[in-house]
Amino acid sequence: MGTVNVLKLKAKLTELGMNITELGEKMGYDKATIYRRLKDNGARLSISDANLIIKVLRLTRDEAISIFFTQLVA
């Protein structure tokens, strides 16, 4: 998928009183899977995963952009 701002994602989880493990569970993944997919700034995260995270966390458009599109897109 590219670069995910994992720090912003974790900050949003903290704001919602959740952690990465709980996010994974709500997405239907076990702890190891979600950690593996977010490893290396989300290099293994798919578009489907990102959409599911957006849905589970009820991210606004701006929040989703700041987390999943951290580099300027031309």
N, C-alpha and C. Protein backbone atom coordinates (compact mmCIF):
# COMPACT_ATOMS: atom_id res chain seq x y z
N MET A 1 0.82 -1.19 0.00
CA MET A 1 0.00 0.00 0.00
C MET A 1 0.87 1.25 0.00
N GLY A 2 2.00 1.20 0.61
CA GLY A 2 2.83 2.39 0.72
C GLY A 2 3.10 2.69 2.17
N THR A 3 3.33 3.96 2.46
CA THR A 3 3.67 4.36 3.81
C THR A 3 2.43 4.76 4.59
N VAL A 4 2.27 4.14 5.74
CA VAL A 4 1.18 4.45 6.65
C VAL A 4 1.80 5.16 7.85
N ASN A 5 1.16 6.22 8.31
CA ASN A 5 1.64 6.92 9.49
C ASN A 5 1.13 6.15 10.72
N VAL A 6 1.90 5.15 11.10
CA VAL A 6 1.51 4.26 12.19
C VAL A 6 1.40 5.02 13.51
N LEU A 7 2.23 6.04 13.69
CA LEU A 7 2.15 6.84 14.92
C LEU A 7 0.80 7.56 15.02
N LYS A 8 0.33 8.11 13.91
CA LYS A 8 -0.99 8.76 13.93
C LYS A 8 -2.10 7.74 14.16
N LEU A 9 -1.94 6.58 13.56
CA LEU A 9 -2.92 5.52 13.77
C LEU A 9 -2.97 5.12 15.24
N LYS A 10 -1.81 4.94 15.85
CA LYS A 10 -1.75 4.58 17.27
C LYS A 10 -2.32 5.70 18.14
N ALA A 11 -2.07 6.96 17.76
CA ALA A 11 -2.62 8.09 18.51
C ALA A 11 -4.15 8.07 18.45
N LYS A 12 -4.69 7.76 17.28
CA LYS A 12 -6.15 7.69 17.14
C LYS A 12 -6.71 6.55 17.97
N LEU A 13 -6.01 5.42 17.97
CA LEU A 13 -6.44 4.29 18.79
C LEU A 13 -6.46 4.67 20.27
N THR A 14 -5.41 5.36 20.71
CA THR A 14 -5.33 5.80 22.10
C THR A 14 -6.49 6.75 22.42
N GLU A 15 -6.77 7.65 21.51
CA GLU A 15 -7.89 8.59 21.67
C GLU A 15 -9.21 7.85 21.85
N LEU A 16 -9.34 6.72 21.15
CA LEU A 16 -10.57 5.93 21.22
C LEU A 16 -10.54 4.88 22.33
N GLY A 17 -9.43 4.83 23.10
CA GLY A 17 -9.31 3.87 24.18
C GLY A 17 -9.06 2.45 23.70
N MET A 18 -8.42 2.33 22.54
CA MET A 18 -8.13 1.02 21.96
C MET A 18 -6.63 0.84 21.79
N ASN A 19 -6.25 -0.39 21.45
CA ASN A 19 -4.86 -0.67 21.10
C ASN A 19 -4.85 -1.46 19.79
N ILE A 20 -3.64 -1.72 19.28
CA ILE A 20 -3.49 -2.42 18.00
C ILE A 20 -4.14 -3.81 18.04
N THR A 21 -3.97 -4.50 19.15
CA THR A 21 -4.55 -5.84 19.28
C THR A 21 -6.07 -5.79 19.16
N GLU A 22 -6.70 -4.83 19.84
CA GLU A 22 -8.17 -4.70 19.77
C GLU A 22 -8.62 -4.32 18.37
N LEU A 23 -7.85 -3.46 17.70
CA LEU A 23 -8.17 -3.12 16.31
C LEU A 23 -8.14 -4.37 15.45
N GLY A 24 -7.10 -5.16 15.60
CA GLY A 24 -7.00 -6.40 14.84
C GLY A 24 -8.18 -7.32 15.08
N GLU A 25 -8.58 -7.45 16.33
CA GLU A 25 -9.72 -8.30 16.66
C GLU A 25 -11.00 -7.80 15.99
N LYS A 26 -11.21 -6.49 15.99
CA LYS A 26 -12.41 -5.92 15.36
C LYS A 26 -12.38 -6.08 13.84
N MET A 27 -11.16 -6.23 13.30
CA MET A 27 -11.00 -6.44 11.86
C MET A 27 -11.08 -7.93 11.51
N GLY A 28 -11.08 -8.80 12.54
CA GLY A 28 -11.11 -10.23 12.31
C GLY A 28 -9.73 -10.85 12.18
N TYR A 29 -8.69 -10.14 12.64
CA TYR A 29 -7.31 -10.63 12.58
C TYR A 29 -6.84 -10.96 13.98
N ASP A 30 -5.91 -11.90 14.07
CA ASP A 30 -5.29 -12.12 15.36
C ASP A 30 -4.17 -11.10 15.56
N LYS A 31 -3.62 -11.08 16.76
CA LYS A 31 -2.61 -10.10 17.14
C LYS A 31 -1.41 -10.11 16.20
N ALA A 32 -0.92 -11.29 15.87
CA ALA A 32 0.27 -11.39 15.02
C ALA A 32 0.02 -10.84 13.62
N THR A 33 -1.16 -11.08 13.09
CA THR A 33 -1.48 -10.62 11.73
C THR A 33 -1.50 -9.11 11.65
N ILE A 34 -2.16 -8.45 12.57
CA ILE A 34 -2.26 -6.99 12.51
C ILE A 34 -0.88 -6.35 12.72
N TYR A 35 -0.10 -6.89 13.63
CA TYR A 35 1.26 -6.36 13.83
C TYR A 35 2.11 -6.56 12.58
N ARG A 36 1.98 -7.71 11.94
CA ARG A 36 2.74 -8.00 10.73
C ARG A 36 2.34 -7.05 9.60
N ARG A 37 1.06 -6.79 9.47
CA ARG A 37 0.59 -5.92 8.39
C ARG A 37 0.99 -4.46 8.60
N LEU A 38 1.14 -4.05 9.85
CA LEU A 38 1.53 -2.67 10.13
C LEU A 38 3.05 -2.49 10.22
N LYS A 39 3.78 -3.60 10.17
CA LYS A 39 5.24 -3.55 10.23
C LYS A 39 5.78 -2.76 9.04
N ASP A 40 6.91 -2.12 9.23
CA ASP A 40 7.57 -1.34 8.16
C ASP A 40 6.64 -0.27 7.60
N ASN A 41 6.01 0.49 8.51
CA ASN A 41 5.10 1.58 8.13
C ASN A 41 3.96 1.12 7.23
N GLY A 42 3.43 -0.04 7.54
CA GLY A 42 2.25 -0.53 6.82
C GLY A 42 2.52 -1.06 5.44
N ALA A 43 3.75 -1.46 5.16
CA ALA A 43 4.12 -1.94 3.83
C ALA A 43 3.27 -3.14 3.39
N ARG A 44 2.78 -3.93 4.33
CA ARG A 44 2.00 -5.12 4.00
C ARG A 44 0.49 -4.88 4.11
N LEU A 45 0.10 -3.66 4.38
CA LEU A 45 -1.32 -3.33 4.53
C LEU A 45 -1.95 -3.16 3.16
N SER A 46 -3.08 -3.80 2.94
CA SER A 46 -3.78 -3.68 1.66
C SER A 46 -4.79 -2.53 1.70
N ILE A 47 -5.28 -2.17 0.54
CA ILE A 47 -6.34 -1.16 0.46
C ILE A 47 -7.57 -1.63 1.22
N SER A 48 -7.88 -2.91 1.13
CA SER A 48 -9.02 -3.47 1.86
C SER A 48 -8.82 -3.33 3.36
N ASP A 49 -7.58 -3.57 3.82
CA ASP A 49 -7.28 -3.40 5.25
C ASP A 49 -7.49 -1.95 5.66
N ALA A 50 -6.99 -1.02 4.84
CA ALA A 50 -7.13 0.40 5.16
C ALA A 50 -8.60 0.79 5.22
N ASN A 51 -9.38 0.32 4.27
CA ASN A 51 -10.81 0.63 4.27
C ASN A 51 -11.50 0.07 5.52
N LEU A 52 -11.10 -1.11 5.93
CA LEU A 52 -11.67 -1.71 7.13
C LEU A 52 -11.29 -0.92 8.38
N ILE A 53 -10.04 -0.47 8.45
CA ILE A 53 -9.60 0.35 9.58
C ILE A 53 -10.41 1.65 9.62
N ILE A 54 -10.59 2.26 8.47
CA ILE A 54 -11.38 3.50 8.40
C ILE A 54 -12.79 3.25 8.92
N LYS A 55 -13.38 2.14 8.52
CA LYS A 55 -14.74 1.80 8.95
C LYS A 55 -14.80 1.51 10.45
N VAL A 56 -13.89 0.66 10.92
CA VAL A 56 -13.88 0.25 12.33
C VAL A 56 -13.67 1.46 13.25
N LEU A 57 -12.74 2.34 12.86
CA LEU A 57 -12.42 3.50 13.71
C LEU A 57 -13.30 4.71 13.42
N ARG A 58 -14.13 4.60 12.38
CA ARG A 58 -15.00 5.70 11.97
C ARG A 58 -14.18 6.98 11.73
N LEU A 59 -13.11 6.82 10.95
CA LEU A 59 -12.23 7.95 10.66
C LEU A 59 -12.91 8.93 9.71
N THR A 60 -12.64 10.19 9.94
CA THR A 60 -13.10 11.19 8.99
C THR A 60 -12.21 11.11 7.76
N ARG A 61 -12.63 11.77 6.70
CA ARG A 61 -11.84 11.81 5.47
C ARG A 61 -10.45 12.36 5.76
N ASP A 62 -10.38 13.47 6.49
CA ASP A 62 -9.10 14.09 6.79
C ASP A 62 -8.21 13.19 7.65
N GLU A 63 -8.80 12.50 8.61
CA GLU A 63 -8.03 11.57 9.44
C GLU A 63 -7.47 10.44 8.59
N ALA A 64 -8.30 9.89 7.71
CA ALA A 64 -7.85 8.79 6.85
C ALA A 64 -6.72 9.23 5.94
N ILE A 65 -6.84 10.41 5.37
CA ILE A 65 -5.79 10.93 4.49
C ILE A 65 -4.50 11.13 5.27
N SER A 66 -4.59 11.68 6.47
CA SER A 66 -3.36 11.94 7.24
C SER A 66 -2.68 10.66 7.71
N ILE A 67 -3.43 9.58 7.84
CA ILE A 67 -2.86 8.31 8.28
C ILE A 67 -2.35 7.48 7.08
N PHE A 68 -3.15 7.40 6.02
CA PHE A 68 -2.84 6.48 4.93
C PHE A 68 -2.15 7.12 3.72
N PHE A 69 -2.13 8.43 3.65
CA PHE A 69 -1.46 9.10 2.54
C PHE A 69 -0.50 10.12 3.10
N THR A 70 0.60 9.63 3.65
CA THR A 70 1.53 10.51 4.36
C THR A 70 2.48 11.24 3.42
N GLN A 71 2.58 10.80 2.18
CA GLN A 71 3.44 11.47 1.22
C GLN A 71 2.59 12.22 0.21
N LEU A 72 3.12 13.29 -0.31
CA LEU A 72 2.42 14.08 -1.30
C LEU A 72 2.21 13.25 -2.55
N VAL A 73 0.97 13.20 -3.02
CA VAL A 73 0.64 12.44 -4.22
C VAL A 73 0.49 13.45 -5.35
N ALA A 74 1.23 13.24 -6.43
CA ALA A 74 1.17 14.18 -7.58
C ALA A 74 0.10 13.79 -8.53
